[in-house]
Amino acid sequence: MRRRPGEVRDAIVQVLESRPHGASVHDIEAGVAGLIGDVAPSSVRSYLRLNTPELFARMDRAQYVLSGFEAPLAAARDCASTVEFDYGRAKLVLADCNEWLDAQAAHSMHAVVTDPPYGLVEYSDAEQTKLRQGRGGVWRIPPSFDGAKRAPLPRFTVLTPRDLVALERFFFEWGRRIARVLVPGANVVVASNPLLSHIVSAGLSRCGLERRGEIVRLVMTMRGGDRPKAAHEEFTDVSVMPRSMWEPWLVFRKPVEGRVQDNLRKWGTGGFRRISAARPFGDVIESAPTRSSERKHAPHPSLKPQAFLRQVVRGVLPLGEGVVLDPFAGAASTLAAAEAVGYESVGVERDLAYFKIARQALPRLAALAVDPALPRRRPQAR
């Protein structure tokens, strides 16, 4: 295939623009292939070598960044400086969550509410590049329905046994880091998928967190219910798998110190905040797909609705005090929910494109009128 001059170089630049903290040669090769199709690995390596240091800089651990990024990144390692955005009680950080967690003090967070990349591969550089180019890949891009553009869905059935092993290991390592920074009794609420929740749960259980059940988000999605591909007319009465009508949010807790009441007095954690004196927090929450008005503010493929998130976020701090952490912040929807109910929060996002979206979306999502029963605050960005 004949390529225009500089096409490979430009694709490498585009890949590294989305990875300000650097990418390995393998990740760069995969990202370039996602943008312009198959490219000989030797061509990518040659362009990296020939354009360093003019365009690219080689970091430690055999990673590359765009030239000019290496100085701020070295400074960040030396003095713990980071790229941050503050709004009200919320703080959004541009960083890899595991590296950021390693730098945090123990017992500094009081709860986790997060929607992680629970298949991992769907948020790899290569698959995100395909998604942004509208090429699909692991992502299923459904056709419009009644004039409405529907959100893409990751196809987790394509994961290999090797992918599943890596997934469990990832959540084990991530869970160990989370457990260290959490206070005793802290709730950890993690969105998942019916096909993968057992693997995510296994990883988190191995790191010492206590499994406390799950929250069922009742919502009709576009996943499942299809007839056999290329044989839908032959098997009109067959669905390959059930239509998904719920979403599991795994509930874990860091072990309490002593009795729950002792933990509540010392750390302010150990249970869930009741909805009212007569109503405890429940594990089934009726929901709906995220509204187009919210997606307009936060065009992220996994955006969850504020009406649902605000209920979960409010519930995870039993006394209404503490810091809610979202290590996979995406478009900052969890931070917006925490801001809306008056909680302090911290979010970490490694993807520069989503970080930019989140900075714009955070104040807009937090200001939305969703549930009049929940308090809303409207601070100014600082």
Protein backbone atom coordinates (compact mmCIF):
# COMPACT_ATOMS: atom_id res chain seq x y z
CA MET A 1 0.00 0.00 0.00
CA ARG A 2 1.38 3.38 -1.04
CA ARG A 3 1.24 5.96 1.74
CA ARG A 4 1.53 9.71 1.54
CA PRO A 5 4.83 11.14 2.78
CA GLY A 6 4.82 11.52 6.56
CA GLU A 7 1.62 9.53 7.09
CA VAL A 8 3.23 7.13 9.57
CA ARG A 9 4.93 10.00 11.39
CA ASP A 10 1.65 11.93 11.67
CA ALA A 11 -0.12 8.85 13.01
CA ILE A 12 2.57 8.42 15.68
CA VAL A 13 2.06 12.05 16.70
CA GLN A 14 -1.70 11.51 16.98
CA VAL A 15 -1.19 8.41 19.14
CA LEU A 16 1.19 10.23 21.49
CA GLU A 17 -1.12 13.24 21.75
CA SER A 18 -3.61 10.93 23.48
CA ARG A 19 -0.87 9.53 25.76
CA PRO A 20 0.85 12.53 27.38
CA HIS A 21 2.48 10.23 29.95
CA GLY A 22 4.17 8.20 27.24
CA ALA A 23 3.61 4.94 25.37
CA SER A 24 5.69 1.88 24.65
CA VAL A 25 6.78 1.07 21.11
CA HIS A 26 4.31 -1.82 21.06
CA ASP A 27 1.43 0.50 22.06
CA ILE A 28 2.49 3.03 19.45
CA GLU A 29 2.56 0.35 16.75
CA ALA A 30 -0.93 -0.78 17.73
CA GLY A 31 -2.25 2.77 17.79
CA VAL A 32 -0.77 3.57 14.37
CA ALA A 33 -2.33 0.42 12.91
CA GLY A 34 -5.68 1.46 14.34
CA LEU A 35 -5.41 4.83 12.58
CA ILE A 36 -4.05 3.98 9.14
CA GLY A 37 -4.11 0.19 8.89
CA ASP A 38 -1.31 -2.35 9.05
CA VAL A 39 2.17 -0.83 9.16
CA ALA A 40 5.43 -2.73 9.36
CA PRO A 41 6.78 -2.43 12.93
CA SER A 42 10.18 -1.55 11.44
CA SER A 43 8.62 1.53 9.80
CA VAL A 44 7.22 2.78 13.11
CA ARG A 45 10.55 2.20 14.88
CA SER A 46 12.40 3.90 12.06
CA TYR A 47 10.20 7.01 12.24
CA LEU A 48 10.63 7.13 16.01
CA ARG A 49 14.40 6.89 15.68
CA LEU A 50 14.71 9.39 12.83
CA ASN A 51 12.43 11.99 14.46
CA THR A 52 13.96 11.86 17.95
CA PRO A 53 14.60 14.37 19.48
CA GLU A 54 12.95 16.80 17.05
CA LEU A 55 9.41 15.38 17.42
CA PHE A 56 9.69 12.60 19.97
CA ALA A 57 11.55 12.05 23.22
CA ARG A 58 12.61 8.66 24.54
CA MET A 59 11.82 8.20 28.23
CA ASP A 60 12.84 5.54 30.69
CA ARG A 61 11.23 2.09 30.43
CA ALA A 62 11.56 2.32 26.62
CA GLN A 63 8.63 4.72 26.30
CA TYR A 64 8.21 7.67 23.97
CA VAL A 65 6.42 11.00 24.38
CA LEU A 66 6.06 14.03 22.17
CA SER A 67 9.10 16.27 22.44
CA GLY A 68 8.51 18.87 25.13
CA PHE A 69 6.46 16.54 27.32
CA GLU A 70 9.52 14.89 28.84
CA ALA A 71 10.49 17.86 31.04
CA PRO A 72 7.12 18.24 32.78
CA LEU A 73 6.90 14.47 33.24
CA ALA A 74 10.33 14.30 34.82
CA ALA A 75 9.38 17.18 37.09
CA ALA A 76 6.20 15.38 38.05
CA ARG A 77 8.20 12.35 39.13
CA ASP A 78 10.67 14.51 41.07
CA CYS A 79 8.29 16.90 42.85
CA ALA A 80 4.94 15.12 42.58
CA SER A 81 3.48 17.93 40.44
CA THR A 82 0.55 16.97 38.21
CA VAL A 83 -1.88 18.49 35.75
CA GLU A 84 -5.04 19.22 37.73
CA PHE A 85 -8.40 20.94 37.35
CA ASP A 86 -10.39 22.11 40.39
CA TYR A 87 -14.07 22.85 40.53
CA GLY A 88 -15.86 23.40 43.82
CA ARG A 89 -15.00 20.43 46.02
CA ALA A 90 -13.86 18.31 43.07
CA LYS A 91 -10.30 17.76 41.86
CA LEU A 92 -9.53 16.15 38.49
CA VAL A 93 -6.01 14.83 37.86
CA LEU A 94 -4.37 13.85 34.57
CA ALA A 95 -2.36 10.75 35.46
CA ASP A 96 -2.19 6.98 35.30
CA CYS A 97 -4.28 5.88 38.27
CA ASN A 98 -1.88 3.20 39.51
CA GLU A 99 1.08 5.58 39.46
CA TRP A 100 -1.02 8.26 41.14
CA LEU A 101 -2.25 5.85 43.82
CA ASP A 102 1.32 4.81 44.62
CA ALA A 103 2.09 8.45 45.45
CA GLN A 104 -0.88 8.98 47.80
CA ALA A 105 -0.85 8.76 51.58
CA ALA A 106 -2.38 5.76 53.30
CA HIS A 107 -5.85 6.29 54.81
CA SER A 108 -6.48 9.39 52.66
CA MET A 109 -9.69 8.36 50.84
CA HIS A 110 -13.08 7.38 52.24
CA ALA A 111 -14.90 5.68 49.34
CA VAL A 112 -14.51 4.63 45.70
CA VAL A 113 -17.19 4.87 43.03
CA THR A 114 -15.88 4.08 39.58
CA ASP A 115 -16.76 2.73 36.15
CA PRO A 116 -13.45 1.14 35.13
CA PRO A 117 -12.30 -0.30 31.80
CA TYR A 118 -13.52 -3.70 32.98
CA GLY A 119 -12.49 -5.43 29.76
CA LEU A 120 -9.18 -3.52 29.56
CA VAL A 121 -8.74 -3.97 25.80
CA GLU A 122 -11.61 -1.62 24.93
CA TYR A 123 -9.64 1.32 26.35
CA SER A 124 -6.29 0.36 24.86
CA ASP A 125 -4.73 2.94 22.56
CA ALA A 126 -5.48 0.87 19.48
CA GLU A 127 -9.17 0.33 20.27
CA GLN A 128 -9.73 3.95 21.33
CA THR A 129 -8.18 5.09 18.09
CA LYS A 130 -10.55 2.88 16.11
CA LEU A 131 -13.51 4.14 18.13
CA ARG A 132 -12.65 7.78 17.51
CA GLN A 133 -12.25 7.06 13.82
CA GLY A 134 -15.67 5.34 13.74
CA ARG A 135 -14.10 2.02 12.73
CA GLY A 136 -15.42 -0.01 15.63
CA GLY A 137 -12.95 -2.75 16.41
CA VAL A 138 -13.89 -4.16 19.83
CA TRP A 139 -16.54 -1.44 20.00
CA ARG A 140 -19.92 -2.14 18.42
CA ILE A 141 -21.21 1.07 16.86
CA PRO A 142 -24.99 0.56 16.54
CA PRO A 143 -26.99 2.32 13.82
CA SER A 144 -29.17 5.31 14.66
CA PHE A 145 -32.67 4.54 15.91
CA ASP A 146 -35.58 6.90 15.16
CA GLY A 147 -33.05 9.59 14.27
CA ALA A 148 -31.17 9.24 17.58
CA LYS A 149 -27.49 8.35 17.54
CA ARG A 150 -26.88 5.48 19.97
CA ALA A 151 -23.77 5.08 22.08
CA PRO A 152 -21.17 2.45 21.10
CA LEU A 153 -20.89 -0.73 23.18
CA PRO A 154 -17.77 -2.83 23.84
CA ARG A 155 -18.05 -6.44 22.69
CA PHE A 156 -16.69 -8.42 25.62
CA THR A 157 -17.42 -11.79 23.97
CA VAL A 158 -14.31 -11.28 21.80
CA LEU A 159 -11.93 -11.38 24.78
CA THR A 160 -9.43 -14.23 24.68
CA PRO A 161 -8.48 -16.47 27.64
CA ARG A 162 -5.24 -14.49 27.86
CA ASP A 163 -7.24 -11.24 28.05
CA LEU A 164 -9.31 -12.66 30.93
CA VAL A 165 -6.21 -13.66 32.89
CA ALA A 166 -4.77 -10.17 32.40
CA LEU A 167 -8.08 -8.66 33.51
CA GLU A 168 -8.12 -10.53 36.83
CA ARG A 169 -4.48 -9.65 37.47
CA PHE A 170 -5.11 -5.99 36.69
CA PHE A 171 -7.93 -5.69 39.23
CA PHE A 172 -5.89 -7.55 41.85
CA GLU A 173 -3.01 -5.09 41.48
CA TRP A 174 -5.35 -2.11 41.32
CA GLY A 175 -7.28 -3.37 44.35
CA ARG A 176 -4.08 -3.62 46.40
CA ARG A 177 -3.33 0.02 45.68
CA ILE A 178 -6.88 1.08 46.43
CA ALA A 179 -6.91 -0.79 49.74
CA ARG A 180 -3.79 1.03 50.91
CA VAL A 181 -5.15 4.56 50.39
CA LEU A 182 -8.61 3.82 51.82
CA VAL A 183 -9.57 4.23 55.46
CA PRO A 184 -10.91 1.13 57.24
CA GLY A 185 -14.56 0.50 56.45
CA ALA A 186 -14.46 2.40 53.13
CA ASN A 187 -16.92 1.29 50.45
CA VAL A 188 -15.64 0.37 46.98
CA VAL A 189 -18.38 0.37 44.32
CA VAL A 190 -17.21 -0.80 40.89
CA ALA A 191 -19.31 -0.93 37.72
CA SER A 192 -19.03 -4.15 35.76
CA ASN A 193 -20.74 -6.32 33.18
CA PRO A 194 -22.67 -9.60 33.63
CA LEU A 195 -20.10 -11.42 31.46
CA LEU A 196 -17.05 -10.20 33.37
CA SER A 197 -18.17 -9.30 36.88
CA HIS A 198 -16.99 -12.63 38.31
CA ILE A 199 -13.45 -11.98 37.04
CA VAL A 200 -13.35 -8.40 38.35
CA SER A 201 -14.74 -9.63 41.66
CA ALA A 202 -12.13 -12.40 41.90
CA GLY A 203 -9.29 -9.92 41.51
CA LEU A 204 -10.68 -7.54 44.13
CA SER A 205 -11.40 -10.37 46.58
CA ARG A 206 -7.81 -11.64 46.38
CA CYS A 207 -6.39 -8.27 47.46
CA GLY A 208 -8.13 -8.35 50.84
CA LEU A 209 -11.28 -6.33 50.19
CA GLU A 210 -14.52 -7.82 51.52
CA ARG A 211 -17.24 -8.68 49.02
CA ARG A 212 -20.48 -7.04 50.25
CA GLY A 213 -22.81 -7.90 47.38
CA GLU A 214 -23.69 -5.75 44.40
CA ILE A 215 -25.96 -2.93 43.36
CA VAL A 216 -28.28 -3.82 40.49
CA ARG A 217 -28.83 -0.98 38.07
CA LEU A 218 -32.07 -1.83 36.28
CA VAL A 219 -31.62 -0.50 32.77
CA MET A 220 -32.46 -1.75 29.31
CA THR A 221 -29.41 -1.75 27.09
CA MET A 222 -28.76 -2.72 23.48
CA ARG A 223 -26.53 -5.65 24.52
CA GLY A 224 -27.81 -9.13 23.67
CA GLY A 225 -31.13 -10.26 22.25
CA ASP A 226 -29.88 -10.52 18.67
CA ARG A 227 -30.70 -13.40 16.35
CA PRO A 228 -27.81 -15.49 14.95
CA LYS A 229 -25.63 -13.33 12.74
CA ALA A 230 -26.14 -13.93 9.02
CA ALA A 231 -28.93 -16.40 9.87
CA HIS A 232 -31.58 -14.14 11.41
CA GLU A 233 -34.23 -15.14 8.87
CA GLU A 234 -33.57 -18.85 9.36
CA PHE A 235 -33.76 -18.64 13.17
CA THR A 236 -36.32 -15.91 13.73
CA ASP A 237 -37.33 -17.25 17.17
CA VAL A 238 -33.79 -17.47 18.59
CA SER A 239 -31.79 -14.96 20.63
CA VAL A 240 -28.10 -15.82 20.89
CA MET A 241 -28.04 -14.48 24.46
CA PRO A 242 -30.56 -12.74 26.73
CA ARG A 243 -31.17 -9.05 26.20
CA SER A 244 -29.36 -7.25 29.01
CA MET A 245 -31.81 -5.49 31.33
CA TRP A 246 -29.50 -4.82 34.27
CA GLU A 247 -25.95 -3.78 35.11
CA PRO A 248 -23.98 -5.07 38.12
CA TRP A 249 -22.08 -2.61 40.34
CA LEU A 250 -19.87 -4.68 42.62
CA VAL A 251 -19.78 -3.65 46.29
CA PHE A 252 -16.65 -4.21 48.36
CA ARG A 253 -15.48 -2.83 51.69
CA LYS A 254 -12.11 -2.45 53.31
CA PRO A 255 -12.30 -4.40 56.59
CA VAL A 256 -13.43 -2.32 59.57
CA GLU A 257 -11.44 -1.81 62.74
CA GLY A 258 -13.38 -3.50 65.53
CA ARG A 259 -17.15 -3.08 65.43
CA VAL A 260 -18.93 -1.04 62.78
CA GLN A 261 -19.93 1.58 65.38
CA ASP A 262 -16.30 1.89 66.47
CA ASN A 263 -15.22 2.36 62.86
CA LEU A 264 -17.93 4.96 62.26
CA ARG A 265 -16.77 6.96 65.27
CA LYS A 266 -13.10 6.86 64.26
CA TRP A 267 -13.17 6.93 60.45
CA GLY A 268 -16.75 7.89 59.51
CA THR A 269 -17.10 4.77 57.37
CA GLY A 270 -18.38 1.21 57.59
CA GLY A 271 -21.87 1.35 56.08
CA PHE A 272 -24.15 3.15 53.64
CA ARG A 273 -26.06 6.36 54.18
CA ARG A 274 -29.78 5.74 54.51
CA ILE A 275 -32.15 7.32 52.03
CA SER A 276 -34.30 8.46 54.95
CA ALA A 277 -35.02 7.45 58.54
CA ALA A 278 -37.56 4.96 57.22
CA ARG A 279 -35.67 3.77 54.11
CA PRO A 280 -32.27 2.07 54.08
CA PHE A 281 -30.01 2.24 51.05
CA GLY A 282 -31.13 -0.54 48.68
CA ASP A 283 -29.24 -2.73 46.24
CA VAL A 284 -31.65 -2.30 43.31
CA ILE A 285 -31.86 1.10 41.62
CA GLU A 286 -34.16 1.73 38.68
CA SER A 287 -32.37 3.64 35.99
CA ALA A 288 -32.53 4.64 32.35
CA PRO A 289 -29.97 5.05 29.59
CA THR A 290 -27.98 8.24 29.85
CA ARG A 291 -29.93 11.16 28.45
CA SER A 292 -28.80 12.89 25.28
CA SER A 293 -28.66 16.17 27.19
CA GLU A 294 -25.93 14.69 29.40
CA ARG A 295 -24.05 13.09 26.51
CA LYS A 296 -24.02 16.48 24.81
CA HIS A 297 -21.98 17.84 27.72
CA ALA A 298 -19.85 14.71 28.15
CA PRO A 299 -19.37 12.65 24.93
CA HIS A 300 -17.84 9.60 26.59
CA PRO A 301 -18.83 6.07 25.43
CA SER A 302 -19.39 4.78 29.00
CA LEU A 303 -21.14 7.82 30.49
CA LYS A 304 -23.55 6.89 33.31
CA PRO A 305 -26.58 9.07 34.13
CA GLN A 306 -26.46 11.58 36.97
CA ALA A 307 -29.82 10.38 38.30
CA PHE A 308 -28.23 7.00 39.07
CA LEU A 309 -24.75 8.16 40.08
CA ARG A 310 -25.97 10.71 42.59
CA GLN A 311 -27.86 8.02 44.47
CA VAL A 312 -24.83 5.75 44.62
CA VAL A 313 -22.36 8.51 45.49
CA ARG A 314 -24.58 9.88 48.22
CA GLY A 315 -24.91 6.41 49.75
CA VAL A 316 -21.22 5.46 49.98
CA LEU A 317 -20.39 7.96 52.75
CA PRO A 318 -22.57 6.85 55.69
CA LEU A 319 -22.15 10.09 57.64
CA GLY A 320 -22.04 12.35 54.60
CA GLU A 321 -18.38 13.22 55.22
CA GLY A 322 -15.15 12.22 53.46
CA VAL A 323 -13.56 12.08 50.03
CA VAL A 324 -15.00 10.02 47.15
CA LEU A 325 -12.38 8.75 44.70
CA ASP A 326 -12.90 7.80 41.06
CA PRO A 327 -9.62 6.38 39.71
CA PHE A 328 -11.08 6.03 36.18
CA ALA A 329 -12.75 9.41 35.94
CA GLY A 330 -13.63 9.41 32.23
CA ALA A 331 -15.82 12.47 31.68
CA ALA A 332 -15.93 13.24 35.44
CA SER A 333 -19.52 12.07 35.89
CA THR A 334 -18.79 10.62 39.36
CA LEU A 335 -17.12 13.87 40.41
CA ALA A 336 -20.12 15.81 39.12
CA ALA A 337 -22.45 13.60 41.15
CA ALA A 338 -20.35 14.15 44.28
CA GLU A 339 -20.37 17.89 43.67
CA ALA A 340 -24.13 17.88 43.26
CA VAL A 341 -24.68 16.21 46.64
CA GLY A 342 -22.04 18.27 48.43
CA TYR A 343 -19.18 15.78 48.79
CA GLU A 344 -15.46 16.27 48.29
CA SER A 345 -14.08 14.15 45.43
CA VAL A 346 -10.96 13.30 43.45
CA GLY A 347 -10.88 11.83 39.96
CA VAL A 348 -7.93 10.46 37.97
CA GLU A 349 -7.96 10.12 34.18
CA ARG A 350 -4.99 9.13 32.02
CA ASP A 351 -6.45 9.84 28.56
CA LEU A 352 -5.78 13.44 27.54
CA ALA A 353 -8.79 13.58 25.22
CA TYR A 354 -11.17 12.47 28.00
CA PHE A 355 -9.44 14.77 30.50
CA LYS A 356 -10.21 17.72 28.24
CA ILE A 357 -13.84 16.58 27.93
CA ALA A 358 -14.07 16.17 31.70
CA ARG A 359 -12.88 19.71 32.42
CA GLN A 360 -15.77 21.07 30.39
CA ALA A 361 -18.32 18.49 31.51
CA LEU A 362 -17.76 18.57 35.27
CA PRO A 363 -19.44 21.92 36.02
CA ARG A 364 -22.20 21.33 33.49
CA LEU A 365 -23.14 17.87 34.75
CA ALA A 366 -22.98 19.01 38.37
CA ALA A 367 -25.40 21.84 37.64
CA LEU A 368 -28.05 19.64 36.01
CA ALA A 369 -31.38 19.43 37.82
CA VAL A 370 -31.89 15.68 38.13
CA ASP A 371 -33.48 14.80 41.47
CA PRO A 372 -35.01 17.58 43.56
CA ALA A 373 -34.65 15.40 46.67
CA LEU A 374 -30.87 15.69 46.48
CA PRO A 375 -29.14 19.00 47.28
CA ARG A 376 -27.34 20.77 44.47
CA ARG A 377 -24.45 23.19 44.78
CA ARG A 378 -23.27 25.60 42.08
CA PRO A 379 -19.73 26.73 42.90
CA GLN A 380 -17.47 28.55 40.49
CA ALA A 381 -14.45 26.94 38.89
CA ARG A 382 -11.14 28.02 40.35
